[in-house]
Amino acid sequence: MTTYRAAYIPPEPGSNGVGVLLTTHEHCTLTDDQLMVVVRQVAAANDAEGEIIIGDWSE
């Protein structure tokens, strides 16, 4: 299992989902501000809505 810093939208409370990953491993070294620029573009392009979290993501 690989864990890296990423931005994602967590699953809805009570759901069996895993959330929506908005960044990839290649973005893990960006600052929070840089990461949010990427995230806003990805979220808008994919109509993704919800609270955006920056934290550890495991695959």
N, C-alpha and C. Protein backbone atom coordinates (compact mmCIF):
# COMPACT_ATOMS: atom_id res chain seq x y z
N MET A 1 0.85 -1.18 0.00
CA MET A 1 0.00 0.00 0.00
C MET A 1 0.89 1.24 0.00
N THR A 2 0.56 2.19 -0.87
CA THR A 2 1.30 3.44 -0.97
C THR A 2 0.49 4.56 -0.32
N THR A 3 1.16 5.37 0.49
CA THR A 3 0.51 6.52 1.11
C THR A 3 1.30 7.77 0.73
N TYR A 4 0.57 8.80 0.31
CA TYR A 4 1.22 10.06 -0.05
C TYR A 4 0.29 11.22 0.26
N ARG A 5 0.84 12.41 0.30
CA ARG A 5 0.08 13.63 0.58
C ARG A 5 -0.73 13.98 -0.67
N ALA A 6 -2.01 14.22 -0.48
CA ALA A 6 -2.88 14.50 -1.61
C ALA A 6 -4.05 15.37 -1.16
N ALA A 7 -4.79 15.86 -2.14
CA ALA A 7 -6.02 16.59 -1.88
C ALA A 7 -7.18 15.71 -2.35
N TYR A 8 -8.22 15.66 -1.55
CA TYR A 8 -9.35 14.80 -1.87
C TYR A 8 -10.61 15.31 -1.20
N ILE A 9 -11.75 14.81 -1.68
CA ILE A 9 -13.03 15.07 -1.06
C ILE A 9 -13.40 13.78 -0.33
N PRO A 10 -13.58 13.85 0.98
CA PRO A 10 -13.88 12.62 1.73
C PRO A 10 -15.27 12.08 1.36
N PRO A 11 -15.50 10.81 1.64
CA PRO A 11 -16.83 10.23 1.36
C PRO A 11 -17.89 10.85 2.25
N GLU A 12 -19.12 10.78 1.80
CA GLU A 12 -20.25 11.25 2.61
C GLU A 12 -20.32 10.43 3.89
N PRO A 13 -20.67 11.05 5.02
CA PRO A 13 -20.82 10.30 6.27
C PRO A 13 -21.85 9.17 6.09
N GLY A 14 -21.50 8.01 6.57
CA GLY A 14 -22.38 6.87 6.50
C GLY A 14 -22.33 6.10 5.19
N SER A 15 -21.53 6.59 4.22
CA SER A 15 -21.44 5.88 2.95
C SER A 15 -20.32 4.86 2.99
N ASN A 16 -20.30 3.97 2.02
CA ASN A 16 -19.24 2.99 1.90
C ASN A 16 -18.17 3.45 0.93
N GLY A 17 -18.25 4.69 0.47
CA GLY A 17 -17.31 5.22 -0.51
C GLY A 17 -15.95 5.50 0.08
N VAL A 18 -15.00 5.79 -0.78
CA VAL A 18 -13.64 6.07 -0.36
C VAL A 18 -13.25 7.52 -0.58
N GLY A 19 -14.12 8.32 -1.13
CA GLY A 19 -13.80 9.70 -1.40
C GLY A 19 -13.36 9.89 -2.84
N VAL A 20 -13.10 11.15 -3.19
CA VAL A 20 -12.70 11.49 -4.55
C VAL A 20 -11.30 12.09 -4.51
N LEU A 21 -10.36 11.39 -5.10
CA LEU A 21 -8.98 11.86 -5.16
C LEU A 21 -8.87 12.95 -6.23
N LEU A 22 -8.31 14.10 -5.87
CA LEU A 22 -8.22 15.23 -6.79
C LEU A 22 -6.80 15.49 -7.28
N THR A 23 -5.81 14.91 -6.65
CA THR A 23 -4.43 15.08 -7.08
C THR A 23 -3.77 13.71 -7.16
N THR A 24 -2.57 13.68 -7.71
CA THR A 24 -1.84 12.43 -7.86
C THR A 24 -0.53 12.49 -7.09
N HIS A 25 0.18 11.38 -7.12
CA HIS A 25 1.46 11.30 -6.41
C HIS A 25 2.43 12.39 -6.90
N GLU A 26 2.35 12.76 -8.17
CA GLU A 26 3.26 13.77 -8.71
C GLU A 26 3.04 15.15 -8.09
N HIS A 27 1.90 15.37 -7.44
CA HIS A 27 1.60 16.66 -6.81
C HIS A 27 1.98 16.71 -5.34
N CYS A 28 2.44 15.61 -4.77
CA CYS A 28 2.61 15.52 -3.32
C CYS A 28 3.66 16.47 -2.74
N THR A 29 4.53 17.01 -3.56
CA THR A 29 5.56 17.92 -3.02
C THR A 29 5.17 19.39 -3.16
N LEU A 30 4.01 19.67 -3.73
CA LEU A 30 3.56 21.06 -3.87
C LEU A 30 3.19 21.63 -2.51
N THR A 31 3.28 22.95 -2.38
CA THR A 31 2.81 23.61 -1.15
C THR A 31 1.29 23.53 -1.12
N ASP A 32 0.71 23.81 0.03
CA ASP A 32 -0.75 23.80 0.14
C ASP A 32 -1.39 24.75 -0.87
N ASP A 33 -0.82 25.94 -1.02
CA ASP A 33 -1.38 26.92 -1.96
C ASP A 33 -1.29 26.42 -3.40
N GLN A 34 -0.16 25.84 -3.78
CA GLN A 34 0.00 25.30 -5.13
C GLN A 34 -0.96 24.12 -5.35
N LEU A 35 -1.08 23.30 -4.34
CA LEU A 35 -1.97 22.14 -4.43
C LEU A 35 -3.42 22.60 -4.61
N MET A 36 -3.84 23.63 -3.93
CA MET A 36 -5.20 24.13 -4.05
C MET A 36 -5.48 24.70 -5.44
N VAL A 37 -4.49 25.26 -6.09
CA VAL A 37 -4.67 25.74 -7.47
C VAL A 37 -5.00 24.56 -8.38
N VAL A 38 -4.23 23.49 -8.25
CA VAL A 38 -4.46 22.29 -9.05
C VAL A 38 -5.84 21.70 -8.71
N VAL A 39 -6.15 21.62 -7.43
CA VAL A 39 -7.40 21.02 -6.99
C VAL A 39 -8.61 21.77 -7.53
N ARG A 40 -8.57 23.07 -7.49
CA ARG A 40 -9.71 23.85 -7.98
C ARG A 40 -9.94 23.59 -9.47
N GLN A 41 -8.87 23.48 -10.23
CA GLN A 41 -9.00 23.20 -11.66
C GLN A 41 -9.57 21.81 -11.90
N VAL A 42 -9.06 20.81 -11.19
CA VAL A 42 -9.52 19.43 -11.35
C VAL A 42 -10.98 19.30 -10.91
N ALA A 43 -11.31 19.89 -9.77
CA ALA A 43 -12.67 19.81 -9.25
C ALA A 43 -13.66 20.47 -10.21
N ALA A 44 -13.31 21.62 -10.75
CA ALA A 44 -14.20 22.32 -11.69
C ALA A 44 -14.38 21.51 -12.97
N ALA A 45 -13.31 20.93 -13.48
CA ALA A 45 -13.38 20.15 -14.72
C ALA A 45 -14.20 18.88 -14.56
N ASN A 46 -14.31 18.37 -13.33
CA ASN A 46 -15.02 17.11 -13.08
C ASN A 46 -16.31 17.29 -12.28
N ASP A 47 -16.75 18.53 -12.13
CA ASP A 47 -17.96 18.82 -11.36
C ASP A 47 -17.95 18.18 -9.97
N ALA A 48 -16.78 18.13 -9.35
CA ALA A 48 -16.64 17.56 -8.01
C ALA A 48 -16.96 18.63 -6.97
N GLU A 49 -17.81 18.28 -6.03
CA GLU A 49 -18.21 19.21 -4.98
C GLU A 49 -18.01 18.58 -3.61
N GLY A 50 -17.73 19.42 -2.65
CA GLY A 50 -17.57 18.96 -1.27
C GLY A 50 -16.38 19.60 -0.62
N GLU A 51 -16.22 19.31 0.65
CA GLU A 51 -15.09 19.84 1.41
C GLU A 51 -13.80 19.21 0.91
N ILE A 52 -12.80 20.03 0.63
CA ILE A 52 -11.52 19.54 0.14
C ILE A 52 -10.56 19.40 1.31
N ILE A 53 -9.97 18.23 1.43
CA ILE A 53 -9.03 17.90 2.50
C ILE A 53 -7.64 17.72 1.89
N ILE A 54 -6.63 18.25 2.56
CA ILE A 54 -5.25 17.94 2.18
C ILE A 54 -4.70 17.07 3.30
N GLY A 55 -4.28 15.88 2.94
CA GLY A 55 -3.79 14.94 3.95
C GLY A 55 -3.25 13.69 3.30
N ASP A 56 -3.08 12.65 4.09
CA ASP A 56 -2.55 11.39 3.59
C ASP A 56 -3.61 10.61 2.82
N TRP A 57 -3.23 10.07 1.67
CA TRP A 57 -4.10 9.24 0.84
C TRP A 57 -3.38 7.90 0.65
N SER A 58 -4.08 6.82 0.89
CA SER A 58 -3.48 5.49 0.74
C SER A 58 -4.13 4.76 -0.43
N GLU A 59 -3.29 4.10 -1.20
CA GLU A 59 -3.77 3.30 -2.34
C GLU A 59 -3.36 1.87 -2.15
